[in-house]
Amino acid sequence: MANTKNGEGSAAPSAESLASAAGKAGARGPAPVHLWNPPYCGEIDIRIARDGTWFHEGTPIGRERMVKLFASILKREQDRHFLVTPVEKVGIVVEDAPFVAVDVARDGDDLRFTTNLGESALAGPEHPIRVVRDAATGEPAPYVEIRSGLEALIDRKSFYRLVELGETAPHEGEDWFGVRSGGVFFPIIPSAELP
C-alpha cells in the first residue's frame, strides 16, 4: 500500500488498484503513459532489484503476469520511476534499470535486444546503447533503451555477444571499440584501453 495520501484525503492507490487500472488501460503491451500526467499520489512499496526481480512490500512478485502488468504502466521522469494510470502516479524504487536485456541477436545489420519481460527493441537512434564504467574498477555496465527513457541493463552473456560483434571505428577523434546498429556506432571502450 502507498504510504501517503493524495490531495483529496483518500487513501493512495494500492498495488491491487494499480494492477486493475493497468489491466483496463493497456490490454496489449505498454499503456500510453507518455500521454498521461496525473497527480502524484505518493510512494508505494514496490522495488525493482538490479537483477530485474520486482518486490512488493519486501516480497518478490512471483506472478509474471502481474509484473508485466506493472511494467506496462512504468514511466520515467528525470531520474525517478513511477507507476502511472490516467488518474494517479506513485513512485517506486528502481535499483539500477527497470529491465534486464537477457538476449541480443542480429536482425539484418542491426541488433535486437529482448528483456526479461519479453519486450524487444532494435538498437539505433531511438533505442541507444550506452556503457557506464565504474570509476574505481573500470568495469563496464552496458544499457539499452527499451522504451520512453526506460533502460535495460545488458546481462553478461549478451554483453559478451556484443563484444564478439564489435568493431573499431573513429569516435570523437579517437578509435573506439563498439557496435553498430540502426545506422549508429555505439562506443564501448577506447581502442587504446583494449587488452
Protein backbone atom coordinates (compact mmCIF):
# COMPACT_ATOMS: atom_id res chain seq x y z
CA MET A 1 0.00 0.00 0.00
CA ALA A 2 1.26 3.51 -0.70
CA ASN A 3 2.37 5.40 2.37
CA THR A 4 0.92 8.83 1.65
CA LYS A 5 -2.46 10.22 0.80
CA ASN A 6 -3.50 12.05 -2.32
CA GLY A 7 -4.64 15.66 -2.30
CA GLU A 8 -8.29 14.73 -1.72
CA GLY A 9 -7.69 12.94 1.56
CA SER A 10 -8.48 9.44 0.34
CA ALA A 11 -6.01 6.59 0.63
CA ALA A 12 -3.33 6.43 -2.04
CA PRO A 13 -3.54 3.63 -4.57
CA SER A 14 -2.63 0.08 -3.64
CA ALA A 15 -0.79 -2.44 -5.77
CA GLU A 16 -4.16 -4.08 -6.47
CA SER A 17 -5.81 -0.85 -7.65
CA LEU A 18 -2.82 -0.06 -9.89
CA ALA A 19 -2.91 -3.55 -11.39
CA SER A 20 -6.61 -3.23 -12.05
CA ALA A 21 -6.17 0.16 -13.74
CA ALA A 22 -3.23 -1.14 -15.78
CA GLY A 23 -5.29 -4.09 -16.97
CA LYS A 24 -8.03 -1.77 -18.18
CA ALA A 25 -5.67 0.78 -19.75
CA GLY A 26 -3.27 -1.41 -21.68
CA ALA A 27 -4.67 -4.81 -22.54
CA ARG A 28 -1.86 -5.33 -25.08
CA GLY A 29 1.63 -4.10 -24.40
CA PRO A 30 2.68 -0.92 -22.65
CA ALA A 31 -0.03 1.62 -21.89
CA PRO A 32 0.28 5.13 -23.41
CA VAL A 33 1.83 6.54 -20.21
CA HIS A 34 3.57 9.28 -22.21
CA LEU A 35 0.11 10.80 -22.73
CA TRP A 36 -0.81 10.72 -19.03
CA ASN A 37 0.11 13.39 -16.50
CA PRO A 38 -1.91 12.54 -13.39
CA PRO A 39 -1.28 13.99 -9.91
CA TYR A 40 1.46 12.46 -7.77
CA CYS A 41 -0.11 10.30 -5.07
CA GLY A 42 2.96 9.34 -3.02
CA GLU A 43 5.19 6.29 -2.84
CA ILE A 44 4.28 2.62 -2.98
CA ASP A 45 6.47 -0.14 -1.58
CA ILE A 46 7.49 -1.62 -4.91
CA ARG A 47 11.17 -2.12 -5.75
CA ILE A 48 12.88 -3.44 -8.87
CA ALA A 49 16.19 -5.10 -7.96
CA ARG A 50 19.26 -4.88 -10.18
CA ASP A 51 18.61 -8.42 -11.43
CA GLY A 52 15.13 -7.42 -12.67
CA THR A 53 13.16 -9.00 -9.80
CA TRP A 54 10.11 -6.97 -8.73
CA PHE A 55 9.30 -6.81 -5.00
CA HIS A 56 6.14 -5.63 -3.23
CA GLU A 57 6.46 -4.92 0.49
CA GLY A 58 9.75 -6.84 0.54
CA THR A 59 8.38 -9.99 -1.10
CA PRO A 60 9.20 -10.99 -4.70
CA ILE A 61 6.22 -10.72 -7.02
CA GLY A 62 6.03 -14.29 -8.27
CA ARG A 63 3.34 -13.87 -10.88
CA GLU A 64 4.94 -12.87 -14.18
CA ARG A 65 1.59 -11.60 -15.47
CA MET A 66 1.41 -9.13 -12.55
CA VAL A 67 4.99 -7.95 -13.15
CA LYS A 68 4.25 -7.42 -16.85
CA LEU A 69 1.10 -5.51 -15.93
CA PHE A 70 3.06 -3.17 -13.65
CA ALA A 71 5.83 -2.84 -16.26
CA SER A 72 3.20 -1.76 -18.79
CA ILE A 73 2.41 1.36 -16.70
CA LEU A 74 6.01 2.19 -15.80
CA LYS A 75 7.18 5.72 -16.58
CA ARG A 76 10.45 7.58 -16.05
CA GLU A 77 10.60 11.29 -15.28
CA GLN A 78 14.10 12.69 -14.83
CA ASP A 79 15.82 10.15 -12.54
CA ARG A 80 12.64 8.78 -10.92
CA HIS A 81 10.39 5.89 -11.87
CA PHE A 82 6.62 5.84 -11.39
CA LEU A 83 3.66 3.58 -11.95
CA VAL A 84 1.10 5.70 -13.76
CA THR A 85 -2.58 5.39 -14.61
CA PRO A 86 -4.72 8.09 -16.21
CA VAL A 87 -5.69 9.35 -12.72
CA GLU A 88 -2.75 8.59 -10.39
CA LYS A 89 1.04 8.41 -10.22
CA VAL A 90 3.05 6.66 -7.50
CA GLY A 91 6.81 6.49 -7.04
CA ILE A 92 8.70 3.21 -6.87
CA VAL A 93 12.35 2.29 -6.25
CA VAL A 94 14.49 1.05 -9.15
CA GLU A 95 17.94 -0.08 -8.01
CA ASP A 96 19.54 0.22 -11.44
CA ALA A 97 17.45 -0.19 -14.60
CA PRO A 98 13.87 -1.44 -14.64
CA PHE A 99 14.60 -4.20 -17.18
CA VAL A 100 17.39 -6.66 -17.93
CA ALA A 101 18.35 -7.40 -21.54
CA VAL A 102 18.69 -11.18 -21.47
CA ASP A 103 19.34 -11.73 -25.18
CA VAL A 104 20.77 -9.95 -28.21
CA ALA A 105 20.68 -11.21 -31.76
CA ARG A 106 21.46 -9.94 -35.23
CA ASP A 107 18.42 -8.70 -37.13
CA GLY A 108 19.90 -8.00 -40.56
CA ASP A 109 22.58 -5.38 -39.91
CA ASP A 110 21.02 -4.40 -36.59
CA LEU A 111 20.94 -5.71 -33.04
CA ARG A 112 17.66 -6.77 -31.42
CA PHE A 113 17.55 -6.94 -27.63
CA THR A 114 14.98 -8.93 -25.65
CA THR A 115 14.24 -8.19 -22.00
CA ASN A 116 13.47 -10.42 -19.05
CA LEU A 117 9.79 -9.50 -19.58
CA GLY A 118 9.72 -10.38 -23.28
CA GLU A 119 9.85 -6.85 -24.71
CA SER A 120 12.23 -6.24 -27.58
CA ALA A 121 13.93 -3.24 -29.11
CA LEU A 122 16.10 -2.75 -32.17
CA ALA A 123 19.17 -0.73 -31.13
CA GLY A 124 19.51 2.54 -33.01
CA PRO A 125 18.78 6.25 -32.61
CA GLU A 126 15.52 5.64 -30.72
CA HIS A 127 16.97 2.77 -28.67
CA PRO A 128 20.58 3.75 -27.93
CA ILE A 129 23.19 1.60 -26.25
CA ARG A 130 25.35 3.22 -23.60
CA VAL A 131 28.15 1.91 -21.42
CA VAL A 132 28.96 3.35 -18.00
CA ARG A 133 32.30 2.43 -16.48
CA ASP A 134 32.81 2.17 -12.74
CA ALA A 135 35.26 4.92 -11.75
CA ALA A 136 37.12 2.70 -9.28
CA THR A 137 37.25 -0.64 -11.11
CA GLY A 138 36.72 0.35 -14.75
CA GLU A 139 34.11 -2.43 -15.03
CA PRO A 140 31.52 -1.67 -17.73
CA ALA A 141 27.78 -1.52 -17.10
CA PRO A 142 26.04 -1.61 -20.51
CA TYR A 143 22.45 -0.45 -21.09
CA VAL A 144 19.99 -0.25 -23.98
CA GLU A 145 16.91 1.94 -24.01
CA ILE A 146 13.80 -0.19 -24.42
CA ARG A 147 11.06 2.46 -24.49
CA SER A 148 10.48 6.07 -23.49
CA GLY A 149 13.61 6.50 -21.40
CA LEU A 150 13.28 3.09 -19.74
CA GLU A 151 16.51 1.14 -20.00
CA ALA A 152 17.57 -2.47 -19.66
CA LEU A 153 20.85 -3.47 -18.07
CA ILE A 154 22.50 -5.76 -20.62
CA ASP A 155 23.30 -9.07 -18.91
CA ARG A 156 26.80 -10.54 -19.00
CA LYS A 157 26.23 -13.17 -21.71
CA SER A 158 24.57 -10.61 -24.00
CA PHE A 159 27.41 -8.16 -23.39
CA TYR A 160 29.91 -10.87 -24.39
CA ARG A 161 27.92 -11.36 -27.60
CA LEU A 162 28.17 -7.62 -28.27
CA VAL A 163 31.93 -7.81 -27.83
CA GLU A 164 32.05 -10.67 -30.37
CA LEU A 165 30.10 -8.48 -32.83
CA GLY A 166 32.18 -5.37 -32.15
CA GLU A 167 34.41 -3.34 -34.43
CA THR A 168 36.84 -0.46 -34.19
CA ALA A 169 35.70 2.90 -35.56
CA PRO A 170 36.50 6.60 -35.09
CA HIS A 171 34.51 8.33 -32.34
CA GLU A 172 35.13 11.89 -31.09
CA GLY A 173 38.62 11.98 -32.59
CA GLU A 174 39.76 8.61 -31.24
CA ASP A 175 39.48 4.98 -32.26
CA TRP A 176 36.88 3.16 -30.18
CA PHE A 177 35.76 -0.42 -29.96
CA GLY A 178 31.96 -0.66 -30.18
CA VAL A 179 28.96 -2.00 -32.05
CA ARG A 180 26.86 -0.71 -34.92
CA SER A 181 23.07 -0.93 -35.16
CA GLY A 182 20.36 1.18 -36.74
CA GLY A 183 22.99 3.10 -38.67
CA VAL A 184 24.66 4.29 -35.43
CA PHE A 185 28.03 3.36 -33.94
CA PHE A 186 27.80 2.83 -30.16
CA PRO A 187 31.20 3.12 -28.46
CA ILE A 188 32.08 0.68 -25.69
CA ILE A 189 35.74 1.35 -24.84
CA PRO A 190 38.61 3.34 -26.35
CA SER A 191 40.69 1.02 -28.53
CA ALA A 192 43.82 2.12 -26.67
CA GLU A 193 42.41 0.54 -23.49
CA LEU A 194 41.77 -2.85 -25.03
CA PRO A 195 43.91 -5.63 -23.57
